[in-house]
C-alpha atoms as a PDB file:
ATOM      1  CA  MET A   1      25.148   9.286   8.213  1.00  0.00           C
ATOM      2  CA  GLU A   2      22.200   9.201   9.788  1.00  0.00           C
ATOM      3  CA  ARG A   3      22.253  12.336  10.851  1.00  0.00           C
ATOM      4  CA  ALA A   4      22.481  14.069   8.066  1.00  0.00           C
ATOM      5  CA  LEU A   5      19.414  12.188   6.555  1.00  0.00           C
ATOM      6  CA  ALA A   6      16.676  12.147   9.138  1.00  0.00           C
ATOM      7  CA  SER A   7      14.892  15.383   8.464  1.00  0.00           C
ATOM      8  CA  PHE A   8      14.509  13.968   5.393  1.00  0.00           C
ATOM      9  CA  ALA A   9      12.832  10.820   7.583  1.00  0.00           C
ATOM     10  CA  PRO A  10       8.846  12.338   6.791  1.00  0.00           C
ATOM     11  CA  TYR A  11       9.722  13.291   2.875  1.00  0.00           C
ATOM     12  CA  ALA A  12      10.993  10.037   2.009  1.00  0.00           C
ATOM     13  CA  TYR A  13       8.690   8.302   3.437  1.00  0.00           C
ATOM     14  CA  ALA A  14       6.090  10.307   1.743  1.00  0.00           C
ATOM     15  CA  ILE A  15       7.685   8.933  -0.905  1.00  0.00           C
ATOM     16  CA  LEU A  16       8.309   5.034  -0.294  1.00  0.00           C
ATOM     17  CA  ARG A  17       3.883   5.561   0.575  1.00  0.00           C
ATOM     18  CA  ILE A  18       3.069   7.232  -2.648  1.00  0.00           C
ATOM     19  CA  ILE A  19       5.729   5.277  -4.978  1.00  0.00           C
ATOM     20  CA  ALA A  20       4.621   1.822  -3.783  1.00  0.00           C
ATOM     21  CA  GLY A  21       0.644   2.974  -3.278  1.00  0.00           C
ATOM     22  CA  LEU A  22       1.166   3.849  -7.269  1.00  0.00           C
ATOM     23  CA  LEU A  23       2.889   0.476  -8.439  1.00  0.00           C
ATOM     24  CA  PHE A  24      -0.186  -1.651  -5.751  1.00  0.00           C
ATOM     25  CA  VAL A  25      -2.429   0.046  -8.354  1.00  0.00           C
ATOM     26  CA  CYS A  26      -0.252  -0.826 -11.570  1.00  0.00           C
ATOM     27  CA  HIS A  27      -0.456  -4.413  -9.702  1.00  0.00           C
ATOM     28  CA  GLY A  28      -3.683  -4.594  -9.758  1.00  0.00           C
ATOM     29  CA  GLY A  29      -4.655  -2.657 -12.522  1.00  0.00           C
ATOM     30  CA  GLN A  30      -2.868  -6.201 -14.490  1.00  0.00           C
ATOM     31  CA  ASN A  31      -4.811  -7.961 -13.851  1.00  0.00           C
ATOM     32  CA  LEU A  32      -8.038  -5.865 -13.521  1.00  0.00           C
ATOM     33  CA  PHE A  33      -7.185  -4.160 -16.907  1.00  0.00           C
ATOM     34  CA  GLY A  34      -4.602  -5.477 -18.601  1.00  0.00           C
ATOM     35  CA  TRP A  35      -2.342  -2.860 -18.007  1.00  0.00           C
ATOM     36  CA  PHE A  36       1.277  -3.035 -18.306  1.00  0.00           C
ATOM     37  CA  GLY A  37       0.521  -6.280 -21.224  1.00  0.00           C
ATOM     38  CA  GLY A  38      -1.070  -7.976 -18.185  1.00  0.00           C
ATOM     39  CA  GLU A  39      -4.569 -10.106 -19.353  1.00  0.00           C
ATOM     40  CA  PRO A  40      -7.466  -9.075 -17.749  1.00  0.00           C
ATOM     41  CA  VAL A  41      -8.918 -11.769 -15.319  1.00  0.00           C
ATOM     42  CA  PRO A  42     -12.857 -12.044 -13.840  1.00  0.00           C
ATOM     43  CA  LEU A  43     -14.245 -10.734 -11.532  1.00  0.00           C
ATOM     44  CA  ALA A  44     -15.003 -13.288 -10.585  1.00  0.00           C
ATOM     45  CA  SER A  45     -11.926 -15.585  -9.185  1.00  0.00           C
ATOM     46  CA  MET A  46      -9.156 -14.842  -6.853  1.00  0.00           C
ATOM     47  CA  PHE A  47      -7.323 -13.147  -9.153  1.00  0.00           C
ATOM     48  CA  GLY A  48     -10.269 -10.746 -10.230  1.00  0.00           C
ATOM     49  CA  ALA A  49     -10.774 -10.157  -6.525  1.00  0.00           C
ATOM     50  CA  ALA A  50      -7.385  -9.580  -5.906  1.00  0.00           C
ATOM     51  CA  GLY A  51      -6.928  -6.496  -8.568  1.00  0.00           C
ATOM     52  CA  ILE A  52     -10.177  -4.754  -7.177  1.00  0.00           C
ATOM     53  CA  ILE A  53      -8.295  -5.576  -3.626  1.00  0.00           C
ATOM     54  CA  GLU A  54      -4.468  -4.132  -4.214  1.00  0.00           C
ATOM     55  CA  VAL A  55      -6.835  -0.652  -6.682  1.00  0.00           C
ATOM     56  CA  VAL A  56      -9.094   0.579  -3.912  1.00  0.00           C
ATOM     57  CA  LEU A  57      -6.235   0.026  -1.298  1.00  0.00           C
ATOM     58  CA  GLY A  58      -3.535   0.844  -3.842  1.00  0.00           C
ATOM     59  CA  VAL A  59      -5.226   4.791  -4.133  1.00  0.00           C
ATOM     60  CA  LEU A  60      -5.570   4.773  -0.182  1.00  0.00           C
ATOM     61  CA  ILE A  61      -2.181   4.038   0.014  1.00  0.00           C
ATOM     62  CA  THR A  62      -1.044   6.958  -2.554  1.00  0.00           C
ATOM     63  CA  ILE A  63      -3.166   9.677  -1.140  1.00  0.00           C
ATOM     64  CA  GLY A  64      -2.655   8.424   2.425  1.00  0.00           C
ATOM     65  CA  PHE A  65      -6.192   8.465   3.134  1.00  0.00           C
ATOM     66  CA  LEU A  66      -6.896   5.405   6.382  1.00  0.00           C
ATOM     67  CA  THR A  67      -3.105   4.283   5.621  1.00  0.00           C
ATOM     68  CA  SER A  68      -2.751   1.913   8.749  1.00  0.00           C
ATOM     69  CA  TYR A  69      -5.610  -0.418   8.032  1.00  0.00           C
ATOM     70  CA  ALA A  70      -5.682   0.170   4.410  1.00  0.00           C
ATOM     71  CA  ALA A  71      -2.024  -0.930   4.098  1.00  0.00           C
ATOM     72  CA  PHE A  72      -2.810  -3.856   7.359  1.00  0.00           C
ATOM     73  CA  ILE A  73      -5.048  -5.275   4.742  1.00  0.00           C
ATOM     74  CA  ALA A  74      -2.444  -5.204   1.935  1.00  0.00           C
ATOM     75  CA  SER A  75       0.393  -6.543   3.466  1.00  0.00           C
ATOM     76  CA  GLY A  76      -1.895 -10.234   4.327  1.00  0.00           C
ATOM     77  CA  GLU A  77      -3.551  -9.424   0.733  1.00  0.00           C
ATOM     78  CA  MET A  78       0.253  -9.997  -0.089  1.00  0.00           C
ATOM     79  CA  ALA A  79       1.340 -12.794   2.278  1.00  0.00           C
ATOM     80  CA  ALA A  80      -1.490 -14.262   1.246  1.00  0.00           C
ATOM     81  CA  ALA A  81      -0.499 -14.051  -2.028  1.00  0.00           C
ATOM     82  CA  TYR A  82       2.749 -15.253  -1.522  1.00  0.00           C
ATOM     83  CA  PHE A  83       2.276 -18.477   0.625  1.00  0.00           C
ATOM     84  CA  ILE A  84      -0.782 -19.324  -2.327  1.00  0.00           C
ATOM     85  CA  GLY A  85       1.024 -18.212  -5.251  1.00  0.00           C
ATOM     86  CA  HIS A  86       4.601 -18.816  -5.646  1.00  0.00           C
ATOM     87  CA  PHE A  87       5.844 -21.087  -1.544  1.00  0.00           C
ATOM     88  CA  PRO A  88       4.767 -24.218  -3.201  1.00  0.00           C
ATOM     89  CA  LYS A  89       7.138 -23.856  -5.936  1.00  0.00           C
ATOM     90  CA  SER A  90       9.790 -23.081  -3.764  1.00  0.00           C
ATOM     91  CA  PHE A  91      11.580 -21.938  -0.712  1.00  0.00           C
ATOM     92  CA  TRP A  92      13.107 -19.389  -2.086  1.00  0.00           C
ATOM     93  CA  PRO A  93      11.375 -15.739  -3.207  1.00  0.00           C
ATOM     94  CA  LEU A  94      14.415 -15.367  -6.125  1.00  0.00           C
ATOM     95  CA  GLU A  95      13.552 -19.296  -7.295  1.00  0.00           C
ATOM     96  CA  ASN A  96       9.891 -18.470  -6.835  1.00  0.00           C
ATOM     97  CA  ALA A  97       9.348 -15.288  -7.978  1.00  0.00           C
ATOM     98  CA  GLY A  98       7.666 -14.638  -5.371  1.00  0.00           C
ATOM     99  CA  GLU A  99       9.833 -10.949  -4.283  1.00  0.00           C
ATOM    100  CA  PRO A 100       7.447  -8.429  -5.046  1.00  0.00           C
ATOM    101  CA  ALA A 101       4.842 -10.389  -3.092  1.00  0.00           C
ATOM    102  CA  VAL A 102       7.585 -10.102   0.261  1.00  0.00           C
ATOM    103  CA  LEU A 103       8.994  -7.347  -0.170  1.00  0.00           C
ATOM    104  CA  PHE A 104       5.168  -5.504  -0.276  1.00  0.00           C
ATOM    105  CA  CYS A 105       3.891  -7.505   2.021  1.00  0.00           C
ATOM    106  CA  PHE A 106       6.806  -6.254   4.629  1.00  0.00           C
ATOM    107  CA  ILE A 107       6.727  -2.375   3.439  1.00  0.00           C
ATOM    108  CA  PHE A 108       2.498  -2.774   3.286  1.00  0.00           C
ATOM    109  CA  LEU A 109       3.375  -3.318   7.369  1.00  0.00           C
ATOM    110  CA  TYR A 110       5.708  -1.165   7.842  1.00  0.00           C
ATOM    111  CA  MET A 111       3.569   1.438   6.578  1.00  0.00           C
ATOM    112  CA  ALA A 112       0.587   0.040   9.166  1.00  0.00           C
ATOM    113  CA  THR A 113       3.033   0.913  11.904  1.00  0.00           C
ATOM    114  CA  GLN A 114       3.712   4.295  10.629  1.00  0.00           C
ATOM    115  CA  GLY A 115       0.205   5.139   9.573  1.00  0.00           C
ATOM    116  CA  SER A 116      -0.250   8.218   6.633  1.00  0.00           C
ATOM    117  CA  GLY A 117       2.417  10.443   7.213  1.00  0.00           C
ATOM    118  CA  ILE A 118       3.159  13.730   5.836  1.00  0.00           C
ATOM    119  CA  TRP A 119       1.965  14.475   2.642  1.00  0.00           C
ATOM    120  CA  SER A 120      -1.645  12.932   3.010  1.00  0.00           C
ATOM    121  CA  VAL A 121      -5.567  13.146   3.309  1.00  0.00           C
ATOM    122  CA  ASP A 122      -5.533  12.092   6.928  1.00  0.00           C
ATOM    123  CA  ALA A 123      -2.476  14.739   7.573  1.00  0.00           C
ATOM    124  CA  ALA A 124      -4.318  17.058   6.167  1.00  0.00           C
ATOM    125  CA  ARG A 125      -7.591  16.394   7.469  1.00  0.00           C
ATOM    126  CA  ALA A 126      -5.822  16.118  10.809  1.00  0.00           C
ATOM    127  CA  GLU A 127      -4.697  20.059   9.924  1.00  0.00           C
ATOM    128  CA  ARG A 128      -8.314  21.302   9.473  1.00  0.00           C
ATOM    129  CA  ALA A 129      -9.274  20.097  13.058  1.00  0.00           C
ATOM    130  CA  VAL A 130      -6.552  21.902  14.326  1.00  0.00           C
ATOM    131  CA  ASP A 131      -7.354  24.257  12.904  1.00  0.00           C
ATOM    132  CA  ILE A 132     -11.634  24.835  13.400  1.00  0.00           C
ATOM    133  CA  PRO A 133     -12.376  26.952  15.765  1.00  0.00           C
ATOM    134  CA  VAL A 134     -14.575  25.192  18.641  1.00  0.00           C
ATOM    135  CA  ARG A 135     -17.816  26.805  20.461  1.00  0.00           C
ATOM    136  CA  ARG A 136     -18.004  26.603  23.617  1.00  0.00           C
ATOM    137  CA  VAL A 137     -22.193  26.659  24.565  1.00  0.00           C
ATOM    138  CA  ARG A 138     -22.517  27.132  28.208  1.00  0.00           C
END
C-alpha cells in the first residue's frame, strides 16, 4: 500500500496543511467573532490573544507562507492550551475534552518539520527565484 500511495504524499500533505490551517482559522474565529455558535471574547483576554494567534497562524499555514515557523508557534500554543485549559480537569484527553488541542499540537509539530510543501506561497516564491535570471556584473 505504501508504494501505491507514495506518489500522492506531497498532495496529501498539502491537503492536510490547508485543512488544518482552515480549521485553526475557524477555531480562532469562534473566539474572536463568535463564528459557529461561539461567543466572542474580549481581545485583551487570554482567549482573545489565543484567537488572534490562531487566526493569523491559521492563515499563514493555510496559504503556506512561513509554515515551519507558524506551525511551530501554533504547536506550542496548542500544548499550552492543553496544559492550561484541559490537563487540570484530567490527565486523559478523552476525559478532559482536550483531543483537538493534542491533535493540533502534533499535526503542527509535524508541519514545522516538513515546511510548506507544494501548493504554497513558499513553493511559488522558491520557484520564481529559480526562474529569475541572475545578471552577473564584471
